[in-house]
Protein backbone atom coordinates (compact mmCIF):
# COMPACT_ATOMS: atom_id res chain seq x y z
CA GLN A 1 0.00 0.00 0.00
CA VAL A 2 1.46 3.33 -1.07
CA GLN A 3 0.81 6.22 1.25
CA ILE A 4 1.38 9.83 0.31
CA VAL A 5 1.31 12.79 2.66
CA GLU A 6 1.51 16.38 1.49
CA SER A 7 2.42 19.30 3.70
CA GLY A 8 3.43 22.93 3.55
CA GLY A 9 0.23 24.57 2.42
CA GLY A 10 -1.32 27.60 4.05
CA LEU A 11 -2.63 31.10 3.66
CA VAL A 12 -0.15 33.42 1.98
CA ARG A 13 -0.23 36.84 0.41
CA PRO A 14 0.19 37.36 -3.32
CA GLY A 15 3.78 37.52 -4.44
CA VAL A 16 5.27 35.38 -1.72
CA SER A 17 6.87 31.96 -1.97
CA LEU A 18 5.84 28.62 -0.58
CA ARG A 19 7.40 25.18 -0.57
CA LEU A 20 5.25 22.08 -0.51
CA SER A 21 6.52 18.68 0.52
CA CYS A 22 5.29 15.21 -0.33
CA ALA A 23 6.45 12.14 1.53
CA ALA A 24 5.75 8.76 -0.05
CA SER A 25 5.94 5.39 1.62
CA VAL A 26 6.93 3.17 -1.27
CA ASN A 27 9.85 0.91 -1.95
CA MET A 28 12.19 1.91 -4.75
CA PHE A 29 10.79 5.43 -4.77
CA SER A 30 13.59 6.59 -7.01
CA ILE A 31 12.39 4.65 -10.03
CA TYR A 32 8.94 6.22 -10.22
CA ALA A 33 7.76 9.42 -11.81
CA VAL A 34 6.15 11.92 -9.47
CA GLY A 35 3.98 14.95 -9.93
CA TRP A 36 2.15 17.82 -8.32
CA TYR A 37 -1.39 18.66 -9.35
CA ARG A 38 -3.87 21.23 -8.13
CA GLN A 39 -7.61 21.58 -8.11
CA ALA A 40 -9.34 24.88 -7.60
CA PRO A 41 -13.02 25.04 -6.58
CA GLY A 42 -15.25 24.20 -9.50
CA LYS A 43 -12.34 23.29 -11.76
CA GLN A 44 -10.71 20.11 -12.94
CA ARG A 45 -7.49 18.86 -11.43
CA GLU A 46 -4.54 20.05 -13.47
CA LEU A 47 -0.86 19.24 -13.66
CA VAL A 48 1.47 21.79 -12.09
CA ALA A 49 4.78 19.98 -12.40
CA ALA A 50 6.15 16.49 -12.80
CA ALA A 51 9.54 14.85 -12.57
CA THR A 52 10.79 11.65 -14.10
CA SER A 53 12.70 9.09 -12.10
CA GLY A 54 15.87 10.80 -13.25
CA GLY A 55 14.60 14.16 -12.12
CA THR A 56 13.82 15.67 -15.52
CA PRO A 57 11.07 18.21 -14.87
CA ASN A 58 7.98 19.15 -16.82
CA TYR A 59 5.96 22.24 -16.00
CA ALA A 60 2.59 23.66 -16.88
CA ASP A 61 3.00 26.75 -19.04
CA SER A 62 1.31 28.87 -16.39
CA VAL A 63 4.03 28.19 -13.81
CA LYS A 64 7.19 28.02 -15.90
CA GLY A 65 9.89 30.20 -14.44
CA ARG A 66 8.19 30.46 -11.04
CA VAL A 67 7.93 26.87 -9.89
CA THR A 68 10.54 24.20 -9.31
CA ILE A 69 9.92 20.53 -8.65
CA SER A 70 12.64 18.51 -7.03
CA ARG A 71 13.01 15.15 -5.39
CA ASP A 72 15.14 13.71 -2.63
CA ASN A 73 15.19 10.00 -3.29
CA ALA A 74 17.02 9.29 -0.05
CA LYS A 75 14.04 10.73 1.83
CA ASN A 76 11.29 9.50 -0.51
CA THR A 77 10.21 13.11 -0.76
CA VAL A 78 9.16 15.45 -3.55
CA TYR A 79 9.15 19.22 -3.21
CA LEU A 80 7.35 21.97 -5.04
CA GLN A 81 8.89 25.41 -4.68
CA MET A 82 6.44 28.08 -5.79
CA ASN A 83 7.44 31.71 -6.13
CA THR A 84 5.46 34.85 -6.80
CA LEU A 85 2.18 33.16 -5.98
CA LYS A 86 -1.03 34.52 -7.47
CA PRO A 87 -4.58 34.50 -6.09
CA ALA A 88 -5.65 32.38 -9.07
CA GLU A 89 -3.36 29.64 -7.77
CA THR A 90 -5.53 29.09 -4.75
CA ALA A 91 -6.28 25.39 -4.80
CA VAL A 92 -5.77 22.08 -3.12
CA TYR A 93 -2.40 20.74 -4.19
CA TYR A 94 -2.01 17.00 -4.61
CA CYS A 95 1.03 14.82 -4.94
CA ASN A 96 0.96 11.88 -7.31
CA ILE A 97 3.17 8.89 -7.84
CA ARG A 98 2.60 6.25 -10.48
CA VAL A 99 3.64 2.79 -9.41
CA VAL A 100 3.42 0.03 -11.99
CA GLY A 101 0.73 1.85 -13.90
CA ILE A 102 -1.35 2.73 -10.83
CA ASP A 103 -1.76 6.33 -9.73
CA TYR A 104 -1.55 7.03 -6.03
CA TRP A 105 -2.64 10.33 -4.53
CA GLY A 106 -2.33 12.08 -1.24
CA LYS A 107 -5.21 13.88 0.45
CA GLY A 108 -3.84 17.23 -0.64
CA THR A 109 -2.74 20.41 1.04
CA GLN A 110 -4.67 23.65 0.76
CA VAL A 111 -2.90 26.71 -0.62
CA THR A 112 -4.78 29.97 -0.36
CA VAL A 113 -3.30 33.09 -1.90
CA SER A 114 -5.09 36.17 -0.69
CA SER A 115 -4.38 39.64 0.55
């Protein structure tokens, strides 16, 4: 059973930075692709950033240049560094890991960007 726990969300003002963390309990974490998604109220879940097992990142166009995904395979942890946050990025942020073709999700962490 793969368990995923996100943390680091909160209420922040526009323009500030935030770093989310995702801890996954899975063997051989380093060989799996990981990703961060977000879902705003009334909208579909969308990809924010993903990283291959080798760490090659892929970003949504809307966050390129402001967001960095990274992974620490020794800690089974994925990070999402978000800079210059915007109110429109208020959402629940979810971590995903695909293990042998099965997607596993955490419960999410709320990020609210508001003045």
